[in-house]
Amino acid sequence: MNSDILKTKKEAYDKELQSWIDKEKASARLINAVNKLIYDKSVELIFFRNTLIDISTSEVQKLHKYAKDIIEKNIDIYNTANIAEEILKIEDLYPSKIDIGRLSFEWANETNNKSDLGVFLKEKLKHCIGNNLSQIEPRDVVLYGFGRIGRLLARELIRISGKGQLLKLKAIVTRPGSGNDINKRASLMKMDSVHGEFKGSISVDAENQSLIINGQTIKMIEASKPDTIDYESYGISNAVLIDNTGVYRDRDSLSLHLKSKGIAKVMLTAPGKGDLPNIVYGVNHEQQDLVNENIFSAASCTTNAIVPVLKVVEDSFGIEKGHIETVHAYTNDQNLLDNMHKKSRRGRSAAINMVITETGAASAVSKVIPQLKNKLTANAVRVPIPNGSLAIMNLTIKKETSVDEINSTIKKAALEGPLVSQIKFSIDKELVSSDIIGNPCPAVFDSMATIVSPDQKNIVLYVWYDNEFGYTKQVIRLAKHVSCVRRFVYF
């Protein structure tokens, strides 16, 4: 190879590397602006519904590639950084959540990057600038239970607290135990076999029975009954209590929490029984009476995964009937080794068996989408993995369709409208269950697996979900809504 060719190749290599370094610098500028906005102004920037908090410069680059590949919008990292820095200059910006990816795309498309950026942003964000709206008061939160979902809720509430968020975790209630329980619970909070190490500081104040997490004091309370706790004595008032024990699931039993001083609203992290409203945030949360109702159910992880997609299909094509099969990670309810269990098959070892079991997903769907009542059946297969589940929906629809039409319809719902935080659209041909862990969307639609029958009226859809973390994010979204502390959003 002659010297000219070598020189050309080296120059090309150096140019590509320098381009990457320049983009890394722009990413660092963006991250700096993101942090200043969230800490100083309670304004959270996101990028096509993906968080920009606590991420690296390389992850910022990855998100811009995602925008190009999935959303088919070629967003310039330099524009994104410039927009973030310009937003930082707006003095009277109201606490809000702003999709800077959308703003960057609109800036390039609508103005060809030639207008005054400051004027452009003030016009786009006028609804959250200079508002005379009274400041939203933060709401106290109590976690009743500290199992899988309880600990993830604590992680997320702590992670977002102090960054412009308005849910303040004040106490965690557990059943009475030994004197060393608080240390064990702190350890379980810090280290998780599925979700990894908690990225923060946790220390134990044994004398005051409290956990100090990222500078926040969380009171650990032991109680055997939900109506015997005086939360006000711990400085807690008008709180939202999130019951994640699964023990109390009807109105009468959950109402016991309201008898304890300091509790104003109760949320259940399981399907509610009887007349309790089952809510999938993004689908039917706006239909709830927040003034007169004090008890709410966040339904189940499976219901939160399938309902957003079913809603899109029902609205666009109409559903005649269908069957939903969930391939579900094993849960704490199952046995590690063969042993007695009150339910059929669940007594067999979860670690080495696929276990057919029932699910209430079909009946739960009709509580959220009434027009689907008696149209769906459902079953579940528990499989030997700790997290990451799959719903397979075999549906007969009213209108003829194609794979492309189904996928484009779901994709549109994932990118625009009320379900952008509920559905993530995937085009990854190599997607498997472990890839879903940590995904904040309750439903990850696998477009590469979509099947349409020859008669074009029977479809099979595959929806993945992190049955722990994705569901936890939905619970927090609903908690903000129930607490009336949601900020202005620009998605």
Foldseek 3Di string as FASTA:
>chain_A
DDPVVVVVVVVVVVVVVVVVVVQLVLLVLLLVLQQCCQQPALEHEAALLHGSPPDHSVVVVVSQVCCCPQVVQNFDSNLLSVLSVLVSPQDQFHNEYEHSNVVRRCCCPVVVVPDDSNVSVCVLRVVRGPDPDDDDAAAEEEEEDCPQQNLLLVLVQLVSPSRSDRYHYAEYEDADDDLCVLVVSQVCSQQDPQQGGRPWDWDAPSVQCWIQTNNDTYHYHHDDALQPAAVVVSVAAQHEYEYEPPPDAEDVRQCSNVNHHRYQAYEYAAHHDDPAQADQQLQCLVVDDLPPDRYHYPHALVLLAPLVLVVLCCVPFNFQAKEKEKAFEDDPQADCDQDDDPAPQSSHHLQPDWGKAADPNQVSSCSRVVVCPPRYYYIYIHHNDHWKMKMKMKTFTRDADDLVVSLVSLSCQCSDDSCVQAEAEDADPPDDRSVQPPRQHSWYWHSVPWDADPVRGIIITMIMGGRRRNSSSSVVVSSCVSSVNHRHYHD
